[in-house]
Amino acid sequence: NTASVRCIGFNMGKLEKKLLEADHFSVAYEPDL
């Protein structure tokens, strides 16, 4: 709600279904250009 961003999660394809079911979640990441 402050901004939006696209993310890529390497070897995280198996989390697709869980993300579809989740309303909110938390992320750890490396910002990149």
PDB file of all heavy atoms in Angstrom:
ATOM      1  N   ASN A   1       0.801  -1.229   0.000  1.00  0.00           N
ATOM      2  CA  ASN A   1       0.000   0.000   0.000  1.00  0.00           C
ATOM      3  C   ASN A   1       0.835   1.281   0.000  1.00  0.00           C
ATOM      4  O   ASN A   1       0.275   2.378   0.019  1.00  0.00           O
ATOM      5  CB  ASN A   1      -0.994   0.023   1.176  1.00  0.00           C
ATOM      6  CG  ASN A   1      -2.028  -1.081   1.059  1.00  0.00           C
ATOM      7  OD1 ASN A   1      -2.425  -1.465  -0.044  1.00  0.00           O
ATOM      8  ND2 ASN A   1      -2.450  -1.625   2.205  1.00  0.00           N
ATOM      9  N   THR A   2       2.190   1.141  -0.010  1.00  0.00           N
ATOM     10  CA  THR A   2       3.035   2.321  -0.218  1.00  0.00           C
ATOM     11  C   THR A   2       3.568   2.337  -1.641  1.00  0.00           C
ATOM     12  O   THR A   2       3.872   3.395  -2.180  1.00  0.00           O
ATOM     13  CB  THR A   2       4.224   2.356   0.760  1.00  0.00           C
ATOM     14  OG1 THR A   2       5.163   1.319   0.424  1.00  0.00           O
ATOM     15  CG2 THR A   2       3.765   2.174   2.199  1.00  0.00           C
ATOM     16  N   ALA A   3       3.708   1.149  -2.230  1.00  0.00           N
ATOM     17  CA  ALA A   3       4.177   0.999  -3.607  1.00  0.00           C
ATOM     18  C   ALA A   3       3.992  -0.455  -4.005  1.00  0.00           C
ATOM     19  O   ALA A   3       3.632  -1.306  -3.174  1.00  0.00           O
ATOM     20  CB  ALA A   3       5.644   1.413  -3.731  1.00  0.00           C
ATOM     21  N   SER A   4       4.220  -0.742  -5.276  1.00  0.00           N
ATOM     22  CA  SER A   4       4.149  -2.124  -5.758  1.00  0.00           C
ATOM     23  C   SER A   4       5.443  -2.465  -6.474  1.00  0.00           C
ATOM     24  O   SER A   4       6.180  -1.576  -6.911  1.00  0.00           O
ATOM     25  CB  SER A   4       2.957  -2.310  -6.704  1.00  0.00           C
ATOM     26  OG  SER A   4       3.076  -1.451  -7.826  1.00  0.00           O
ATOM     27  N   VAL A   5       5.714  -3.762  -6.607  1.00  0.00           N
ATOM     28  CA  VAL A   5       6.957  -4.193  -7.232  1.00  0.00           C
ATOM     29  C   VAL A   5       6.793  -5.619  -7.763  1.00  0.00           C
ATOM     30  O   VAL A   5       6.037  -6.423  -7.200  1.00  0.00           O
ATOM     31  CB  VAL A   5       8.129  -4.119  -6.220  1.00  0.00           C
ATOM     32  CG1 VAL A   5       7.931  -5.128  -5.086  1.00  0.00           C
ATOM     33  CG2 VAL A   5       9.470  -4.344  -6.905  1.00  0.00           C
ATOM     34  N   ARG A   6       7.487  -5.902  -8.844  1.00  0.00           N
ATOM     35  CA  ARG A   6       7.520  -7.266  -9.368  1.00  0.00           C
ATOM     36  C   ARG A   6       8.617  -8.051  -8.657  1.00  0.00           C
ATOM     37  O   ARG A   6       9.682  -7.509  -8.357  1.00  0.00           O
ATOM     38  CB  ARG A   6       7.775  -7.256 -10.879  1.00  0.00           C
ATOM     39  CG  ARG A   6       6.597  -6.719 -11.682  1.00  0.00           C
ATOM     40  CD  ARG A   6       6.849  -6.878 -13.178  1.00  0.00           C
ATOM     41  NE  ARG A   6       5.713  -6.399 -13.949  1.00  0.00           N
ATOM     42  CZ  ARG A   6       4.640  -7.132 -14.211  1.00  0.00           C
ATOM     43  NH1 ARG A   6       4.568  -8.388 -13.769  1.00  0.00           N
ATOM     44  NH2 ARG A   6       3.644  -6.646 -14.929  1.00  0.00           N
ATOM     45  N   CYS A   7       8.361  -9.340  -8.439  1.00  0.00           N
ATOM     46  CA  CYS A   7       9.325 -10.189  -7.728  1.00  0.00           C
ATOM     47  C   CYS A   7       9.598 -11.447  -8.541  1.00  0.00           C
ATOM     48  O   CYS A   7       8.730 -11.944  -9.264  1.00  0.00           O
ATOM     49  CB  CYS A   7       8.784 -10.601  -6.357  1.00  0.00           C
ATOM     50  SG  CYS A   7       8.253  -9.257  -5.301  1.00  0.00           S
ATOM     51  N   ILE A   8      10.803 -11.980  -8.368  1.00  0.00           N
ATOM     52  CA  ILE A   8      11.163 -13.273  -8.938  1.00  0.00           C
ATOM     53  C   ILE A   8      11.686 -14.151  -7.798  1.00  0.00           C
ATOM     54  O   ILE A   8      12.526 -13.700  -7.002  1.00  0.00           O
ATOM     55  CB  ILE A   8      12.221 -13.147 -10.071  1.00  0.00           C
ATOM     56  CG1 ILE A   8      12.596 -14.503 -10.631  1.00  0.00           C
ATOM     57  CG2 ILE A   8      13.452 -12.390  -9.594  1.00  0.00           C
ATOM     58  CD1 ILE A   8      11.556 -15.143 -11.478  1.00  0.00           C
ATOM     59  N   GLY A   9      11.163 -15.339  -7.684  1.00  0.00           N
ATOM     60  CA  GLY A   9      11.622 -16.271  -6.652  1.00  0.00           C
ATOM     61  C   GLY A   9      12.195 -17.517  -7.302  1.00  0.00           C
ATOM     62  O   GLY A   9      11.445 -18.358  -7.821  1.00  0.00           O
ATOM     63  N   PHE A  10      13.514 -17.636  -7.301  1.00  0.00           N
ATOM     64  CA  PHE A  10      14.155 -18.792  -7.932  1.00  0.00           C
ATOM     65  C   PHE A  10      13.913 -20.050  -7.097  1.00  0.00           C
ATOM     66  O   PHE A  10      14.046 -20.036  -5.881  1.00  0.00           O
ATOM     67  CB  PHE A  10      15.649 -18.533  -8.130  1.00  0.00           C
ATOM     68  CG  PHE A  10      15.933 -17.422  -9.105  1.00  0.00           C
ATOM     69  CD1 PHE A  10      16.435 -16.201  -8.669  1.00  0.00           C
ATOM     70  CD2 PHE A  10      15.673 -17.588 -10.453  1.00  0.00           C
ATOM     71  CE1 PHE A  10      16.693 -15.165  -9.566  1.00  0.00           C
ATOM     72  CE2 PHE A  10      15.916 -16.560 -11.361  1.00  0.00           C
ATOM     73  CZ  PHE A  10      16.425 -15.354 -10.917  1.00  0.00           C
ATOM     74  N   ASN A  11      13.521 -21.123  -7.788  1.00  0.00           N
ATOM     75  CA  ASN A  11      13.209 -22.410  -7.158  1.00  0.00           C
ATOM     76  C   ASN A  11      12.071 -22.307  -6.142  1.00  0.00           C
ATOM     77  O   ASN A  11      12.011 -23.059  -5.169  1.00  0.00           O
ATOM     78  CB  ASN A  11      14.462 -22.998  -6.485  1.00  0.00           C
ATOM     79  CG  ASN A  11      15.560 -23.298  -7.480  1.00  0.00           C
ATOM     80  OD1 ASN A  11      15.322 -23.943  -8.501  1.00  0.00           O
ATOM     81  ND2 ASN A  11      16.762 -22.822  -7.201  1.00  0.00           N
ATOM     82  N   MET A  12      11.150 -21.364  -6.357  1.00  0.00           N
ATOM     83  CA  MET A  12       9.986 -21.194  -5.476  1.00  0.00           C
ATOM     84  C   MET A  12       8.677 -21.514  -6.184  1.00  0.00           C
ATOM     85  O   MET A  12       7.600 -21.189  -5.688  1.00  0.00           O
ATOM     86  CB  MET A  12       9.934 -19.762  -4.932  1.00  0.00           C
ATOM     87  CG  MET A  12      11.017 -19.410  -3.952  1.00  0.00           C
ATOM     88  SD  MET A  12      10.767 -17.759  -3.241  1.00  0.00           S
ATOM     89  CE  MET A  12      12.151 -17.673  -2.100  1.00  0.00           C
ATOM     90  N   GLY A  13       8.749 -22.152  -7.347  1.00  0.00           N
ATOM     91  CA  GLY A  13       7.546 -22.453  -8.108  1.00  0.00           C
ATOM     92  C   GLY A  13       6.520 -23.251  -7.323  1.00  0.00           C
ATOM     93  O   GLY A  13       5.305 -23.093  -7.513  1.00  0.00           O
ATOM     94  N   LYS A  14       6.988 -24.089  -6.406  1.00  0.00           N
ATOM     95  CA  LYS A  14       6.076 -24.951  -5.639  1.00  0.00           C
ATOM     96  C   LYS A  14       5.189 -24.171  -4.678  1.00  0.00           C
ATOM     97  O   LYS A  14       4.223 -24.713  -4.124  1.00  0.00           O
ATOM     98  CB  LYS A  14       6.886 -25.997  -4.866  1.00  0.00           C
ATOM     99  CG  LYS A  14       7.901 -25.399  -3.911  1.00  0.00           C
ATOM    100  CD  LYS A  14       8.800 -26.463  -3.304  1.00  0.00           C
ATOM    101  CE  LYS A  14       9.877 -25.836  -2.414  1.00  0.00           C
ATOM    102  NZ  LYS A  14      10.795 -26.861  -1.876  1.00  0.00           N
ATOM    103  N   LEU A  15       5.479 -22.875  -4.477  1.00  0.00           N
ATOM    104  CA  LEU A  15       4.680 -22.062  -3.566  1.00  0.00           C
ATOM    105  C   LEU A  15       3.501 -21.379  -4.259  1.00  0.00           C
ATOM    106  O   LEU A  15       2.763 -20.616  -3.624  1.00  0.00           O
ATOM    107  CB  LEU A  15       5.562 -20.994  -2.906  1.00  0.00           C
ATOM    108  CG  LEU A  15       6.676 -21.502  -1.982  1.00  0.00           C
ATOM    109  CD1 LEU A  15       7.492 -20.339  -1.452  1.00  0.00           C
ATOM    110  CD2 LEU A  15       6.088 -22.302  -0.823  1.00  0.00           C
ATOM    111  N   GLU A  16       3.317 -21.634  -5.556  1.00  0.00           N
ATOM    112  CA  GLU A  16       2.264 -20.959  -6.321  1.00  0.00           C
ATOM    113  C   GLU A  16       0.891 -21.143  -5.670  1.00  0.00           C
ATOM    114  O   GLU A  16       0.156 -20.155  -5.454  1.00  0.00           O
ATOM    115  CB  GLU A  16       2.240 -21.500  -7.754  1.00  0.00           C
ATOM    116  CG  GLU A  16       1.153 -20.868  -8.610  1.00  0.00           C
ATOM    117  CD  GLU A  16       0.974 -21.585  -9.952  1.00  0.00           C
ATOM    118  OE1 GLU A  16       1.312 -22.778 -10.026  1.00  0.00           O
ATOM    119  OE2 GLU A  16       0.506 -20.936 -10.902  1.00  0.00           O
ATOM    120  N   LYS A  17       0.516 -22.361  -5.356  1.00  0.00           N
ATOM    121  CA  LYS A  17      -0.812 -22.636  -4.806  1.00  0.00           C
ATOM    122  C   LYS A  17      -0.993 -21.962  -3.453  1.00  0.00           C
ATOM    123  O   LYS A  17      -2.057 -21.380  -3.160  1.00  0.00           O
ATOM    124  CB  LYS A  17      -1.022 -24.145  -4.682  1.00  0.00           C
ATOM    125  CG  LYS A  17      -2.412 -24.526  -4.209  1.00  0.00           C
ATOM    126  CD  LYS A  17      -2.579 -26.046  -4.159  1.00  0.00           C
ATOM    127  CE  LYS A  17      -3.978 -26.404  -3.657  1.00  0.00           C
ATOM    128  NZ  LYS A  17      -4.156 -27.886  -3.562  1.00  0.00           N
ATOM    129  N   LYS A  18       0.038 -22.014  -2.626  1.00  0.00           N
ATOM    130  CA  LYS A  18      -0.048 -21.421  -1.285  1.00  0.00           C
ATOM    131  C   LYS A  18      -0.228 -19.909  -1.370  1.00  0.00           C
ATOM    132  O   LYS A  18      -0.950 -19.302  -0.563  1.00  0.00           O
ATOM    133  CB  LYS A  18       1.204 -21.781  -0.491  1.00  0.00           C
ATOM    134  CG  LYS A  18       1.011 -21.731   1.012  1.00  0.00           C
ATOM    135  CD  LYS A  18       2.155 -22.406   1.733  1.00  0.00           C
ATOM    136  CE  LYS A  18       1.897 -22.422   3.238  1.00  0.00           C
ATOM    137  NZ  LYS A  18       2.965 -23.107   3.992  1.00  0.00           N
ATOM    138  N   LEU A  19       0.430 -19.290  -2.345  1.00  0.00           N
ATOM    139  CA  LEU A  19       0.300 -17.845  -2.526  1.00  0.00           C
ATOM    140  C   LEU A  19      -1.100 -17.469  -3.007  1.00  0.00           C
ATOM    141  O   LEU A  19      -1.631 -16.415  -2.651  1.00  0.00           O
ATOM    142  CB  LEU A  19       1.353 -17.341  -3.510  1.00  0.00           C
ATOM    143  CG  LEU A  19       2.767 -17.195  -2.954  1.00  0.00           C
ATOM    144  CD1 LEU A  19       3.767 -17.012  -4.086  1.00  0.00           C
ATOM    145  CD2 LEU A  19       2.855 -16.030  -1.979  1.00  0.00           C
ATOM    146  N   LEU A  20      -1.702 -18.314  -3.809  1.00  0.00           N
ATOM    147  CA  LEU A  20      -3.064 -18.055  -4.288  1.00  0.00           C
ATOM    148  C   LEU A  20      -4.075 -18.081  -3.142  1.00  0.00           C
ATOM    149  O   LEU A  20      -5.106 -17.397  -3.190  1.00  0.00           O
ATOM    150  CB  LEU A  20      -3.451 -19.096  -5.347  1.00  0.00           C
ATOM    151  CG  LEU A  20      -2.850 -18.905  -6.745  1.00  0.00           C
ATOM    152  CD1 LEU A  20      -3.113 -20.134  -7.597  1.00  0.00           C
ATOM    153  CD2 LEU A  20      -3.416 -17.654  -7.410  1.00  0.00           C
ATOM    154  N   GLU A  21      -3.765 -18.868  -2.120  1.00  0.00           N
ATOM    155  CA  GLU A  21      -4.686 -19.018  -0.989  1.00  0.00           C
ATOM    156  C   GLU A  21      -4.444 -17.989   0.111  1.00  0.00           C
ATOM    157  O   GLU A  21      -5.283 -17.826   1.002  1.00  0.00           O
ATOM    158  CB  GLU A  21      -4.551 -20.431  -0.402  1.00  0.00           C
ATOM    159  CG  GLU A  21      -4.932 -21.544  -1.375  1.00  0.00           C
ATOM    160  CD  GLU A  21      -4.570 -22.928  -0.858  1.00  0.00           C
ATOM    161  OE1 GLU A  21      -3.821 -22.985   0.146  1.00  0.00           O
ATOM    162  OE2 GLU A  21      -5.010 -23.921  -1.456  1.00  0.00           O
ATOM    163  N   ALA A  22      -3.286 -17.292   0.063  1.00  0.00           N
ATOM    164  CA  ALA A  22      -2.922 -16.368   1.142  1.00  0.00           C
ATOM    165  C   ALA A  22      -3.412 -14.948   0.860  1.00  0.00           C
ATOM    166  O   ALA A  22      -3.267 -14.438  -0.249  1.00  0.00           O
ATOM    167  CB  ALA A  22      -1.412 -16.363   1.318  1.00  0.00           C
ATOM    168  N   ASP A  23      -4.005 -14.322   1.893  1.00  0.00           N
ATOM    169  CA  ASP A  23      -4.419 -12.918   1.762  1.00  0.00           C
ATOM    170  C   ASP A  23      -3.228 -11.982   1.963  1.00  0.00           C
ATOM    171  O   ASP A  23      -3.059 -11.004   1.236  1.00  0.00           O
ATOM    172  CB  ASP A  23      -5.515 -12.597   2.786  1.00  0.00           C
ATOM    173  CG  ASP A  23      -6.819 -13.335   2.491  1.00  0.00           C
ATOM    174  OD1 ASP A  23      -7.109 -13.524   1.291  1.00  0.00           O
ATOM    175  OD2 ASP A  23      -7.500 -13.732   3.445  1.00  0.00           O
ATOM    176  N   HIS A  24      -2.442 -12.262   2.979  1.00  0.00           N
ATOM    177  CA  HIS A  24      -1.258 -11.461   3.266  1.00  0.00           C
ATOM    178  C   HIS A  24      -0.098 -12.389   3.620  1.00  0.00           C
ATOM    179  O   HIS A  24      -0.296 -13.503   4.122  1.00  0.00           O
ATOM    180  CB  HIS A  24      -1.513 -10.495   4.434  1.00  0.00           C
ATOM    181  CG  HIS A  24      -2.474  -9.391   4.091  1.00  0.00           C
ATOM    182  ND1 HIS A  24      -3.832  -9.558   4.176  1.00  0.00           N
ATOM    183  CD2 HIS A  24      -2.258  -8.122   3.659  1.00  0.00           C
ATOM    184  CE1 HIS A  24      -4.435  -8.435   3.807  1.00  0.00           C
ATOM    185  NE2 HIS A  24      -3.505  -7.551   3.484  1.00  0.00           N
ATOM    186  N   PHE A  25       1.093 -11.940   3.392  1.00  0.00           N
ATOM    187  CA  PHE A  25       2.301 -12.697   3.711  1.00  0.00           C
ATOM    188  C   PHE A  25       3.468 -11.713   3.831  1.00  0.00           C
ATOM    189  O   PHE A  25       3.327 -10.521   3.522  1.00  0.00           O
ATOM    190  CB  PHE A  25       2.582 -13.761   2.646  1.00  0.00           C
ATOM    191  CG  PHE A  25       2.523 -13.263   1.232  1.00  0.00           C
ATOM    192  CD1 PHE A  25       3.669 -12.831   0.579  1.00  0.00           C
ATOM    193  CD2 PHE A  25       1.308 -13.221   0.540  1.00  0.00           C
ATOM    194  CE1 PHE A  25       3.621 -12.371  -0.720  1.00  0.00           C
ATOM    195  CE2 PHE A  25       1.247 -12.758  -0.759  1.00  0.00           C
ATOM    196  CZ  PHE A  25       2.402 -12.333  -1.398  1.00  0.00           C
ATOM    197  N   SER A  26       4.581 -12.193   4.299  1.00  0.00           N
ATOM    198  CA  SER A  26       5.779 -11.363   4.452  1.00  0.00           C
ATOM    199  C   SER A  26       6.878 -11.907   3.553  1.00  0.00           C
ATOM    200  O   SER A  26       6.951 -13.117   3.305  1.00  0.00           O
ATOM    201  CB  SER A  26       6.250 -11.349   5.911  1.00  0.00           C
ATOM    202  OG  SER A  26       5.225 -10.840   6.750  1.00  0.00           O
ATOM    203  N   VAL A  27       7.755 -11.029   3.074  1.00  0.00           N
ATOM    204  CA  VAL A  27       8.805 -11.438   2.144  1.00  0.00           C
ATOM    205  C   VAL A  27      10.173 -10.927   2.584  1.00  0.00           C
ATOM    206  O   VAL A  27      10.292  -9.840   3.165  1.00  0.00           O
ATOM    207  CB  VAL A  27       8.514 -10.937   0.703  1.00  0.00           C
ATOM    208  CG1 VAL A  27       7.329 -11.657   0.115  1.00  0.00           C
ATOM    209  CG2 VAL A  27       8.292  -9.422   0.674  1.00  0.00           C
ATOM    210  N   ALA A  28      11.183 -11.732   2.331  1.00  0.00           N
ATOM    211  CA  ALA A  28      12.581 -11.315   2.461  1.00  0.00           C
ATOM    212  C   ALA A  28      13.167 -11.335   1.053  1.00  0.00           C
ATOM    213  O   ALA A  28      12.843 -12.229   0.258  1.00  0.00           O
ATOM    214  CB  ALA A  28      13.349 -12.265   3.374  1.00  0.00           C
ATOM    215  N   TYR A  29      14.011 -10.368   0.731  1.00  0.00           N
ATOM    216  CA  TYR A  29      14.427 -10.215  -0.667  1.00  0.00           C
ATOM    217  C   TYR A  29      15.708  -9.392  -0.805  1.00  0.00           C
ATOM    218  O   TYR A  29      16.110  -8.671   0.120  1.00  0.00           O
ATOM    219  CB  TYR A  29      13.304  -9.515  -1.459  1.00  0.00           C
ATOM    220  CG  TYR A  29      12.853  -8.225  -0.807  1.00  0.00           C
ATOM    221  CD1 TYR A  29      13.510  -7.021  -1.044  1.00  0.00           C
ATOM    222  CD2 TYR A  29      11.788  -8.219   0.091  1.00  0.00           C
ATOM    223  CE1 TYR A  29      13.119  -5.852  -0.413  1.00  0.00           C
ATOM    224  CE2 TYR A  29      11.390  -7.056   0.730  1.00  0.00           C
ATOM    225  CZ  TYR A  29      12.061  -5.874   0.467  1.00  0.00           C
ATOM    226  OH  TYR A  29      11.681  -4.716   1.104  1.00  0.00           O
ATOM    227  N   GLU A  30      16.306  -9.519  -1.973  1.00  0.00           N
ATOM    228  CA  GLU A  30      17.426  -8.667  -2.384  1.00  0.00           C
ATOM    229  C   GLU A  30      16.901  -7.718  -3.466  1.00  0.00           C
ATOM    230  O   GLU A  30      16.430  -8.173  -4.512  1.00  0.00           O
ATOM    231  CB  GLU A  30      18.572  -9.507  -2.954  1.00  0.00           C
ATOM    232  CG  GLU A  30      19.175 -10.488  -1.959  1.00  0.00           C
ATOM    233  CD  GLU A  30      20.181 -11.417  -2.617  1.00  0.00           C
ATOM    234  OE1 GLU A  30      20.293 -11.369  -3.869  1.00  0.00           O
ATOM    235  OE2 GLU A  30      20.830 -12.199  -1.903  1.00  0.00           O
ATOM    236  N   PRO A  31      16.933  -6.418  -3.222  1.00  0.00           N
ATOM    237  CA  PRO A  31      16.480  -5.485  -4.264  1.00  0.00           C
ATOM    238  C   PRO A  31      17.461  -5.442  -5.426  1.00  0.00           C
ATOM    239  O   PRO A  31      18.676  -5.482  -5.221  1.00  0.00           O
ATOM    240  CB  PRO A  31      16.419  -4.136  -3.533  1.00  0.00           C
ATOM    241  CG  PRO A  31      17.386  -4.269  -2.408  1.00  0.00           C
ATOM    242  CD  PRO A  31      17.373  -5.720  -2.008  1.00  0.00           C
ATOM    243  N   ASP A  32      16.937  -5.394  -6.627  1.00  0.00           N
ATOM    244  CA  ASP A  32      17.780  -5.436  -7.813  1.00  0.00           C
ATOM    245  C   ASP A  32      17.190  -4.514  -8.873  1.00  0.00           C
ATOM    246  O   ASP A  32      16.038  -4.074  -8.771  1.00  0.00           O
ATOM    247  CB  ASP A  32      17.840  -6.875  -8.340  1.00  0.00           C
ATOM    248  CG  ASP A  32      18.990  -7.100  -9.307  1.00  0.00           C
ATOM    249  OD1 ASP A  32      19.870  -6.221  -9.393  1.00  0.00           O
ATOM    250  OD2 ASP A  32      18.994  -8.141  -9.975  1.00  0.00           O
ATOM    251  N   LEU A  33      17.984  -4.211  -9.883  1.00  0.00           N
ATOM    252  CA  LEU A  33      17.516  -3.425 -11.018  1.00  0.00           C
ATOM    253  C   LEU A  33      17.394  -4.330 -12.230  1.00  0.00           C
ATOM    254  O   LEU A  33      18.346  -5.042 -12.581  1.00  0.00           O
ATOM    255  CB  LEU A  33      18.470  -2.268 -11.318  1.00  0.00           C
ATOM    256  CG  LEU A  33      18.576  -1.188 -10.235  1.00  0.00           C
ATOM    257  CD1 LEU A  33      19.619  -0.145 -10.623  1.00  0.00           C
ATOM    258  CD2 LEU A  33      17.225  -0.517 -10.001  1.00  0.00           C
TER     259      LEU A  33
END
